[in-house]
């Protein structure tokens, strides 16, 4: 799979993977909240507002940017593999 080089700087600004923070689990930058928590909330039918209420260290802008990044990555991946 070819990885879009424009995505890496965006990931670095939003997500941290550090063995000293949650054993290297990808988390929202400057928090200890795993990215997967957001996905799990949305997958189970919870709203973004409910997620943000339960994890106040995550800013709305961070969550939205992570969702936009996930969308960009998935669409890029699908497009590249449909050629």
N, C-alpha and C. Protein backbone atom coordinates (compact mmCIF):
# COMPACT_ATOMS: atom_id res chain seq x y z
N UNK A 1 0.84 -1.18 0.00
CA UNK A 1 0.00 0.00 0.00
C UNK A 1 0.88 1.24 0.00
N UNK A 2 0.58 2.15 -0.89
CA UNK A 2 1.30 3.43 -0.94
C UNK A 2 0.66 4.37 0.08
N UNK A 3 1.50 4.94 0.94
CA UNK A 3 0.99 5.84 1.98
C UNK A 3 1.14 7.27 1.52
N UNK A 4 0.09 8.03 1.58
CA UNK A 4 0.09 9.43 1.16
C UNK A 4 0.95 10.24 2.13
N UNK A 5 2.02 10.82 1.60
CA UNK A 5 2.97 11.57 2.44
C UNK A 5 2.34 12.80 3.09
N UNK A 6 1.22 13.27 2.56
CA UNK A 6 0.58 14.44 3.16
C UNK A 6 -0.15 14.08 4.45
N UNK A 7 -0.41 12.81 4.68
CA UNK A 7 -1.12 12.40 5.89
C UNK A 7 -0.20 12.39 7.11
N UNK A 8 1.06 12.02 6.94
CA UNK A 8 1.98 11.90 8.07
C UNK A 8 2.07 13.16 8.92
N UNK A 9 2.28 14.35 8.34
CA UNK A 9 2.34 15.54 9.20
C UNK A 9 1.04 15.79 9.96
N UNK A 10 -0.07 15.46 9.35
CA UNK A 10 -1.36 15.64 10.02
C UNK A 10 -1.48 14.69 11.21
N UNK A 11 -1.06 13.45 11.02
CA UNK A 11 -1.09 12.46 12.11
C UNK A 11 -0.20 12.93 13.24
N UNK A 12 1.00 13.38 12.90
CA UNK A 12 1.95 13.81 13.93
C UNK A 12 1.41 14.97 14.76
N UNK A 13 0.57 15.80 14.17
CA UNK A 13 -0.01 16.93 14.90
C UNK A 13 -1.21 16.56 15.75
N UNK A 14 -1.76 15.36 15.54
CA UNK A 14 -3.00 14.98 16.22
C UNK A 14 -2.87 13.78 17.14
N UNK A 15 -1.96 12.87 16.79
CA UNK A 15 -1.89 11.58 17.47
C UNK A 15 -0.48 11.33 17.98
N UNK A 16 -0.40 10.77 19.18
CA UNK A 16 0.89 10.41 19.78
C UNK A 16 0.93 8.91 20.02
N UNK A 17 2.05 8.31 19.69
CA UNK A 17 2.32 6.91 20.02
C UNK A 17 3.64 6.89 20.77
N UNK A 18 3.58 6.74 22.07
CA UNK A 18 4.77 6.81 22.91
C UNK A 18 4.68 5.67 23.93
N UNK A 19 5.72 4.88 24.03
CA UNK A 19 5.70 3.74 24.96
C UNK A 19 5.49 4.19 26.41
N UNK A 20 5.78 5.45 26.70
CA UNK A 20 5.60 5.98 28.05
C UNK A 20 4.16 6.45 28.31
N UNK A 21 3.35 6.50 27.26
CA UNK A 21 1.95 6.92 27.40
C UNK A 21 1.06 5.78 26.95
N UNK A 22 0.32 5.20 27.87
CA UNK A 22 -0.61 4.11 27.56
C UNK A 22 0.06 2.98 26.78
N UNK A 23 1.30 2.69 27.14
CA UNK A 23 2.07 1.58 26.53
C UNK A 23 2.18 1.66 25.01
N UNK A 24 2.16 2.88 24.48
CA UNK A 24 2.33 3.05 23.03
C UNK A 24 1.03 3.04 22.24
N UNK A 25 -0.09 2.95 22.93
CA UNK A 25 -1.39 3.01 22.25
C UNK A 25 -1.54 4.39 21.60
N UNK A 26 -2.00 4.46 20.37
CA UNK A 26 -2.23 5.78 19.75
C UNK A 26 -3.27 6.57 20.54
N UNK A 27 -2.87 7.76 20.98
CA UNK A 27 -3.75 8.62 21.77
C UNK A 27 -3.83 10.00 21.13
N UNK A 28 -4.88 10.74 21.51
CA UNK A 28 -4.96 12.13 21.10
C UNK A 28 -3.76 12.85 21.69
N UNK A 29 -3.09 13.66 20.89
CA UNK A 29 -1.90 14.37 21.34
C UNK A 29 -2.21 15.19 22.59
N UNK A 30 -1.28 15.15 23.53
CA UNK A 30 -1.37 15.86 24.82
C UNK A 30 -2.48 15.34 25.73
N UNK A 31 -2.90 14.08 25.50
CA UNK A 31 -3.88 13.44 26.38
C UNK A 31 -3.42 12.00 26.60
N UNK A 32 -4.22 11.28 27.38
CA UNK A 32 -4.02 9.84 27.56
C UNK A 32 -5.24 9.09 27.03
N UNK A 33 -5.97 9.73 26.12
CA UNK A 33 -7.21 9.16 25.59
C UNK A 33 -6.91 8.45 24.26
N UNK A 34 -7.10 7.13 24.23
CA UNK A 34 -6.86 6.40 22.98
C UNK A 34 -7.81 6.84 21.86
N UNK A 35 -7.28 6.91 20.66
CA UNK A 35 -8.07 7.23 19.48
C UNK A 35 -9.20 6.21 19.33
N UNK A 36 -8.91 4.97 19.65
CA UNK A 36 -9.90 3.89 19.52
C UNK A 36 -11.15 4.18 20.37
N UNK A 37 -10.99 4.90 21.47
CA UNK A 37 -12.16 5.23 22.28
C UNK A 37 -13.19 6.02 21.48
N UNK A 38 -12.72 6.96 20.68
CA UNK A 38 -13.64 7.74 19.84
C UNK A 38 -14.36 6.83 18.86
N UNK A 39 -13.62 5.97 18.20
CA UNK A 39 -14.21 5.04 17.23
C UNK A 39 -15.23 4.14 17.93
N UNK A 40 -14.87 3.61 19.10
CA UNK A 40 -15.77 2.74 19.85
C UNK A 40 -17.07 3.46 20.22
N UNK A 41 -16.95 4.71 20.67
CA UNK A 41 -18.14 5.48 21.02
C UNK A 41 -19.07 5.63 19.82
N UNK A 42 -18.52 6.06 18.71
CA UNK A 42 -19.33 6.28 17.53
C UNK A 42 -19.92 4.98 17.00
N UNK A 43 -19.13 3.93 17.06
CA UNK A 43 -19.58 2.62 16.59
C UNK A 43 -20.76 2.10 17.43
N UNK A 44 -20.75 2.42 18.71
CA UNK A 44 -21.83 1.94 19.59
C UNK A 44 -23.06 2.85 19.59
N UNK A 45 -23.02 3.91 18.77
CA UNK A 45 -24.18 4.79 18.66
C UNK A 45 -24.12 6.03 19.53
N UNK A 46 -23.06 6.18 20.29
CA UNK A 46 -22.89 7.39 21.10
C UNK A 46 -22.56 8.56 20.17
N UNK A 47 -22.80 9.76 20.64
CA UNK A 47 -22.52 10.95 19.83
C UNK A 47 -21.14 11.50 20.15
N UNK A 48 -20.68 12.38 19.28
CA UNK A 48 -19.42 13.05 19.52
C UNK A 48 -19.50 13.86 20.81
N UNK A 49 -20.62 14.50 21.06
CA UNK A 49 -20.78 15.27 22.30
C UNK A 49 -20.66 14.39 23.54
N UNK A 50 -21.22 13.18 23.48
CA UNK A 50 -21.11 12.26 24.61
C UNK A 50 -19.65 11.86 24.83
N UNK A 51 -18.95 11.59 23.75
CA UNK A 51 -17.53 11.27 23.87
C UNK A 51 -16.77 12.42 24.51
N UNK A 52 -17.01 13.63 24.02
CA UNK A 52 -16.29 14.80 24.54
C UNK A 52 -16.65 15.06 26.01
N UNK A 53 -17.88 14.81 26.39
CA UNK A 53 -18.28 14.97 27.80
C UNK A 53 -17.52 13.98 28.69
N UNK A 54 -17.34 12.76 28.20
CA UNK A 54 -16.66 11.73 28.99
C UNK A 54 -15.14 11.86 28.97
N UNK A 55 -14.61 12.55 27.97
CA UNK A 55 -13.15 12.73 27.85
C UNK A 55 -12.85 14.21 27.63
N UNK A 56 -12.99 15.01 28.67
CA UNK A 56 -12.85 16.47 28.53
C UNK A 56 -11.45 16.95 28.13
N UNK A 57 -10.44 16.08 28.23
CA UNK A 57 -9.11 16.50 27.80
C UNK A 57 -8.97 16.53 26.28
N UNK A 58 -9.93 15.91 25.58
CA UNK A 58 -9.93 15.95 24.11
C UNK A 58 -10.78 17.13 23.68
N UNK A 59 -10.22 17.97 22.85
CA UNK A 59 -10.94 19.12 22.32
C UNK A 59 -11.77 18.70 21.11
N UNK A 60 -12.90 19.35 20.93
CA UNK A 60 -13.77 19.06 19.79
C UNK A 60 -12.99 19.12 18.48
N UNK A 61 -12.18 20.14 18.32
CA UNK A 61 -11.39 20.30 17.09
C UNK A 61 -10.48 19.10 16.86
N UNK A 62 -9.87 18.58 17.93
CA UNK A 62 -9.01 17.39 17.79
C UNK A 62 -9.81 16.20 17.27
N UNK A 63 -10.95 15.96 17.88
CA UNK A 63 -11.77 14.80 17.49
C UNK A 63 -12.23 14.92 16.05
N UNK A 64 -12.68 16.09 15.67
CA UNK A 64 -13.14 16.30 14.29
C UNK A 64 -11.99 16.12 13.31
N UNK A 65 -10.83 16.64 13.63
CA UNK A 65 -9.68 16.50 12.73
C UNK A 65 -9.26 15.04 12.60
N UNK A 66 -9.33 14.29 13.68
CA UNK A 66 -8.99 12.86 13.60
C UNK A 66 -10.00 12.12 12.71
N UNK A 67 -11.27 12.45 12.84
CA UNK A 67 -12.28 11.82 11.98
C UNK A 67 -12.08 12.22 10.52
N UNK A 68 -11.75 13.48 10.27
CA UNK A 68 -11.47 13.93 8.90
C UNK A 68 -10.25 13.21 8.34
N UNK A 69 -9.24 13.05 9.17
CA UNK A 69 -8.02 12.36 8.74
C UNK A 69 -8.32 10.90 8.41
N UNK A 70 -9.13 10.26 9.24
CA UNK A 70 -9.51 8.86 8.98
C UNK A 70 -10.27 8.76 7.66
N UNK A 71 -11.16 9.69 7.42
CA UNK A 71 -11.91 9.71 6.17
C UNK A 71 -10.97 9.89 4.99
N UNK A 72 -10.06 10.85 5.09
CA UNK A 72 -9.09 11.12 4.02
C UNK A 72 -8.25 9.88 3.73
N UNK A 73 -7.78 9.24 4.79
CA UNK A 73 -6.95 8.05 4.62
C UNK A 73 -7.73 6.93 3.94
N UNK A 74 -8.94 6.67 4.39
CA UNK A 74 -9.75 5.59 3.82
C UNK A 74 -10.09 5.86 2.36
N UNK A 75 -10.49 7.09 2.05
CA UNK A 75 -10.84 7.41 0.67
C UNK A 75 -9.62 7.33 -0.24
N UNK A 76 -8.47 7.80 0.25
CA UNK A 76 -7.24 7.71 -0.53
C UNK A 76 -6.88 6.26 -0.78
N UNK A 77 -6.98 5.44 0.25
CA UNK A 77 -6.66 4.02 0.13
C UNK A 77 -7.58 3.33 -0.88
N UNK A 78 -8.87 3.59 -0.77
CA UNK A 78 -9.84 2.98 -1.69
C UNK A 78 -9.58 3.43 -3.12
N UNK A 79 -9.36 4.72 -3.29
CA UNK A 79 -9.11 5.25 -4.63
C UNK A 79 -7.86 4.63 -5.25
N UNK A 80 -6.78 4.56 -4.48
CA UNK A 80 -5.53 3.98 -4.99
C UNK A 80 -5.69 2.51 -5.37
N UNK A 81 -6.51 1.80 -4.64
CA UNK A 81 -6.69 0.37 -4.90
C UNK A 81 -7.77 0.08 -5.94
N UNK A 82 -8.45 1.11 -6.43
CA UNK A 82 -9.48 0.88 -7.43
C UNK A 82 -8.96 1.08 -8.84
N UNK A 83 -7.72 1.49 -8.97
CA UNK A 83 -7.16 1.73 -10.30
C UNK A 83 -6.71 0.45 -10.93
